[in-house]
Amino acid sequence: MARGWESKAVEDQIASAEAEKKARPKAVSSQRDRDKQAEIESLLLSRTELLNRIEAARNERYRAQLELALKHIDGKLRELKSV
């Protein structure tokens, strides 16, 4: 026997709500944790921008500077993630 249209729609809504709940980031408990997460996200954004600049760089000196900056950001990210 086939399911009714309405019960299928309700099932889809429940499944959709559960998927959204799982996809949401977990609530950060303290201000310190929120600050740390914001700094990590900022560093990741900067890292992405540096990678794009390195890829487009034609001057070797400029590329070397960008690579040093990338190493610095990677170090800060490791430091933040280990704490």
N, C-alpha and C. Protein backbone atom coordinates (compact mmCIF):
# COMPACT_ATOMS: atom_id res chain seq x y z
N MET A 1 0.84 -1.17 0.00
CA MET A 1 0.00 0.00 0.00
C MET A 1 0.89 1.24 0.00
N ALA A 2 0.59 2.19 -0.84
CA ALA A 2 1.39 3.40 -0.98
C ALA A 2 1.08 4.39 0.14
N ARG A 3 2.08 5.13 0.50
CA ARG A 3 1.89 6.18 1.51
C ARG A 3 1.13 7.35 0.92
N GLY A 4 0.45 8.06 1.79
CA GLY A 4 -0.26 9.25 1.33
C GLY A 4 0.71 10.40 1.11
N TRP A 5 0.33 11.33 0.27
CA TRP A 5 1.16 12.49 -0.05
C TRP A 5 1.49 13.29 1.20
N GLU A 6 0.52 13.49 2.08
CA GLU A 6 0.73 14.31 3.27
C GLU A 6 1.75 13.68 4.22
N SER A 7 1.67 12.38 4.43
CA SER A 7 2.62 11.75 5.35
C SER A 7 4.04 11.80 4.79
N LYS A 8 4.17 11.71 3.48
CA LYS A 8 5.49 11.80 2.85
C LYS A 8 6.05 13.21 3.01
N ALA A 9 5.21 14.22 2.86
CA ALA A 9 5.64 15.60 3.01
C ALA A 9 6.10 15.87 4.45
N VAL A 10 5.38 15.34 5.42
CA VAL A 10 5.75 15.50 6.83
C VAL A 10 7.09 14.81 7.09
N GLU A 11 7.24 13.62 6.55
CA GLU A 11 8.50 12.88 6.72
C GLU A 11 9.67 13.67 6.13
N ASP A 12 9.46 14.26 4.96
CA ASP A 12 10.50 15.07 4.33
C ASP A 12 10.84 16.29 5.18
N GLN A 13 9.84 16.93 5.77
CA GLN A 13 10.08 18.10 6.62
C GLN A 13 10.89 17.71 7.86
N ILE A 14 10.57 16.58 8.45
CA ILE A 14 11.30 16.12 9.63
C ILE A 14 12.75 15.82 9.26
N ALA A 15 12.95 15.14 8.15
CA ALA A 15 14.30 14.81 7.71
C ALA A 15 15.09 16.07 7.40
N SER A 16 14.44 17.04 6.78
CA SER A 16 15.09 18.31 6.46
C SER A 16 15.49 19.06 7.73
N ALA A 17 14.61 19.09 8.72
CA ALA A 17 14.90 19.77 9.97
C ALA A 17 16.07 19.10 10.70
N GLU A 18 16.12 17.77 10.68
CA GLU A 18 17.21 17.05 11.33
C GLU A 18 18.53 17.31 10.61
N ALA A 19 18.51 17.39 9.29
CA ALA A 19 19.72 17.66 8.53
C ALA A 19 20.25 19.06 8.82
N GLU A 20 19.34 20.03 8.92
CA GLU A 20 19.75 21.40 9.24
C GLU A 20 20.35 21.47 10.63
N LYS A 21 19.77 20.75 11.56
CA LYS A 21 20.26 20.75 12.93
C LYS A 21 21.68 20.19 12.99
N LYS A 22 21.95 19.14 12.23
CA LYS A 22 23.27 18.55 12.20
C LYS A 22 24.28 19.45 11.50
N ALA A 23 23.82 20.21 10.51
CA ALA A 23 24.71 21.07 9.74
C ALA A 23 25.10 22.33 10.49
N ARG A 24 24.29 22.75 11.43
CA ARG A 24 24.60 23.96 12.20
C ARG A 24 25.80 23.73 13.08
N PRO A 25 26.67 24.77 13.17
CA PRO A 25 27.79 24.62 14.10
C PRO A 25 27.29 24.60 15.54
N LYS A 26 28.00 23.86 16.38
CA LYS A 26 27.60 23.78 17.77
C LYS A 26 27.79 25.14 18.44
N ALA A 27 26.92 25.43 19.39
CA ALA A 27 27.00 26.69 20.10
C ALA A 27 28.30 26.74 20.89
N VAL A 28 28.97 27.89 20.80
CA VAL A 28 30.21 28.08 21.51
C VAL A 28 29.87 28.55 22.92
N SER A 29 30.48 27.95 23.92
CA SER A 29 30.03 28.16 25.29
C SER A 29 30.50 29.46 25.92
N SER A 30 31.68 29.92 25.63
CA SER A 30 32.15 31.11 26.33
C SER A 30 32.62 32.17 25.35
N GLN A 31 32.78 33.37 25.87
CA GLN A 31 33.26 34.48 25.04
C GLN A 31 34.66 34.18 24.51
N ARG A 32 35.49 33.56 25.34
CA ARG A 32 36.84 33.22 24.94
C ARG A 32 36.83 32.25 23.76
N ASP A 33 35.94 31.27 23.81
CA ASP A 33 35.82 30.31 22.71
C ASP A 33 35.32 30.99 21.44
N ARG A 34 34.38 31.90 21.60
CA ARG A 34 33.87 32.63 20.42
C ARG A 34 34.96 33.50 19.81
N ASP A 35 35.76 34.15 20.65
CA ASP A 35 36.86 34.98 20.15
C ASP A 35 37.89 34.13 19.42
N LYS A 36 38.20 32.97 20.00
CA LYS A 36 39.16 32.06 19.38
C LYS A 36 38.65 31.59 18.02
N GLN A 37 37.39 31.23 17.95
CA GLN A 37 36.81 30.76 16.69
C GLN A 37 36.81 31.88 15.65
N ALA A 38 36.51 33.10 16.06
CA ALA A 38 36.52 34.23 15.14
C ALA A 38 37.92 34.48 14.61
N GLU A 39 38.93 34.36 15.47
CA GLU A 39 40.31 34.55 15.03
C GLU A 39 40.72 33.46 14.05
N ILE A 40 40.33 32.22 14.32
CA ILE A 40 40.64 31.12 13.40
C ILE A 40 40.01 31.36 12.04
N GLU A 41 38.75 31.77 12.03
CA GLU A 41 38.07 32.03 10.75
C GLU A 41 38.74 33.17 10.00
N SER A 42 39.17 34.21 10.72
CA SER A 42 39.86 35.33 10.09
C SER A 42 41.19 34.87 9.49
N LEU A 43 41.93 34.06 10.22
CA LEU A 43 43.20 33.55 9.72
C LEU A 43 43.00 32.65 8.50
N LEU A 44 41.95 31.85 8.51
CA LEU A 44 41.67 31.00 7.36
C LEU A 44 41.33 31.82 6.12
N LEU A 45 40.60 32.90 6.33
CA LEU A 45 40.28 33.79 5.22
C LEU A 45 41.55 34.45 4.67
N SER A 46 42.41 34.90 5.58
CA SER A 46 43.68 35.51 5.16
C SER A 46 44.54 34.49 4.43
N ARG A 47 44.52 33.26 4.90
CA ARG A 47 45.30 32.20 4.27
C ARG A 47 44.83 31.96 2.84
N THR A 48 43.53 31.93 2.65
CA THR A 48 42.97 31.74 1.31
C THR A 48 43.40 32.88 0.37
N GLU A 49 43.35 34.10 0.88
CA GLU A 49 43.75 35.25 0.08
C GLU A 49 45.24 35.17 -0.27
N LEU A 50 46.06 34.78 0.68
CA LEU A 50 47.50 34.63 0.40
C LEU A 50 47.76 33.56 -0.66
N LEU A 51 47.06 32.44 -0.56
CA LEU A 51 47.24 31.39 -1.57
C LEU A 51 46.88 31.89 -2.96
N ASN A 52 45.82 32.69 -3.06
CA ASN A 52 45.44 33.26 -4.35
C ASN A 52 46.50 34.22 -4.87
N ARG A 53 47.05 35.03 -3.96
CA ARG A 53 48.11 35.97 -4.36
C ARG A 53 49.38 35.24 -4.78
N ILE A 54 49.74 34.18 -4.05
CA ILE A 54 50.93 33.41 -4.40
C ILE A 54 50.77 32.81 -5.80
N GLU A 55 49.60 32.30 -6.06
CA GLU A 55 49.34 31.69 -7.37
C GLU A 55 49.46 32.72 -8.50
N ALA A 56 49.06 33.95 -8.24
CA ALA A 56 49.08 34.98 -9.28
C ALA A 56 50.40 35.75 -9.33
N ALA A 57 51.26 35.60 -8.34
CA ALA A 57 52.49 36.40 -8.25
C ALA A 57 53.45 36.04 -9.38
N ARG A 58 54.03 37.06 -9.97
CA ARG A 58 55.02 36.87 -11.03
C ARG A 58 56.43 37.18 -10.53
N ASN A 59 56.54 38.06 -9.55
CA ASN A 59 57.82 38.46 -9.00
C ASN A 59 58.22 37.49 -7.89
N GLU A 60 59.43 36.93 -8.01
CA GLU A 60 59.89 35.92 -7.05
C GLU A 60 60.05 36.49 -5.65
N ARG A 61 60.51 37.74 -5.53
CA ARG A 61 60.65 38.36 -4.21
C ARG A 61 59.30 38.52 -3.53
N TYR A 62 58.33 38.97 -4.29
CA TYR A 62 56.98 39.14 -3.74
C TYR A 62 56.40 37.79 -3.33
N ARG A 63 56.62 36.79 -4.16
CA ARG A 63 56.14 35.44 -3.86
C ARG A 63 56.79 34.92 -2.57
N ALA A 64 58.09 35.19 -2.39
CA ALA A 64 58.79 34.76 -1.18
C ALA A 64 58.19 35.44 0.05
N GLN A 65 57.87 36.72 -0.06
CA GLN A 65 57.24 37.44 1.06
C GLN A 65 55.89 36.83 1.40
N LEU A 66 55.12 36.54 0.37
CA LEU A 66 53.81 35.93 0.58
C LEU A 66 53.93 34.56 1.23
N GLU A 67 54.92 33.79 0.83
CA GLU A 67 55.11 32.46 1.41
C GLU A 67 55.52 32.55 2.88
N LEU A 68 56.33 33.57 3.23
CA LEU A 68 56.66 33.79 4.64
C LEU A 68 55.41 34.14 5.45
N ALA A 69 54.57 34.98 4.87
CA ALA A 69 53.32 35.35 5.54
C ALA A 69 52.43 34.13 5.71
N LEU A 70 52.41 33.25 4.73
CA LEU A 70 51.61 32.03 4.80
C LEU A 70 52.13 31.12 5.92
N LYS A 71 53.45 30.99 6.03
CA LYS A 71 54.03 30.19 7.11
C LYS A 71 53.65 30.76 8.47
N HIS A 72 53.67 32.08 8.58
CA HIS A 72 53.31 32.74 9.84
C HIS A 72 51.85 32.44 10.21
N ILE A 73 50.97 32.55 9.24
CA ILE A 73 49.55 32.28 9.48
C ILE A 73 49.34 30.81 9.84
N ASP A 74 50.02 29.91 9.14
CA ASP A 74 49.90 28.49 9.46
C ASP A 74 50.36 28.21 10.89
N GLY A 75 51.43 28.88 11.32
CA GLY A 75 51.91 28.72 12.68
C GLY A 75 50.89 29.20 13.71
N LYS A 76 50.27 30.34 13.43
CA LYS A 76 49.26 30.86 14.35
C LYS A 76 48.05 29.93 14.41
N LEU A 77 47.68 29.37 13.27
CA LEU A 77 46.54 28.44 13.25
C LEU A 77 46.86 27.18 14.05
N ARG A 78 48.06 26.65 13.89
CA ARG A 78 48.45 25.47 14.69
C ARG A 78 48.40 25.80 16.18
N GLU A 79 48.90 26.98 16.51
CA GLU A 79 48.92 27.40 17.92
C GLU A 79 47.51 27.51 18.49
N LEU A 80 46.60 28.11 17.73
CA LEU A 80 45.23 28.28 18.20
C LEU A 80 44.49 26.95 18.28
N LYS A 81 44.73 26.06 17.37
CA LYS A 81 44.03 24.79 17.36
C LYS A 81 44.55 23.83 18.43
N SER A 82 45.80 24.03 18.86
CA SER A 82 46.35 23.14 19.88
C SER A 82 45.95 23.54 21.29
N VAL A 83 45.50 24.77 21.45
CA VAL A 83 45.13 25.25 22.80
C VAL A 83 43.75 24.83 23.17
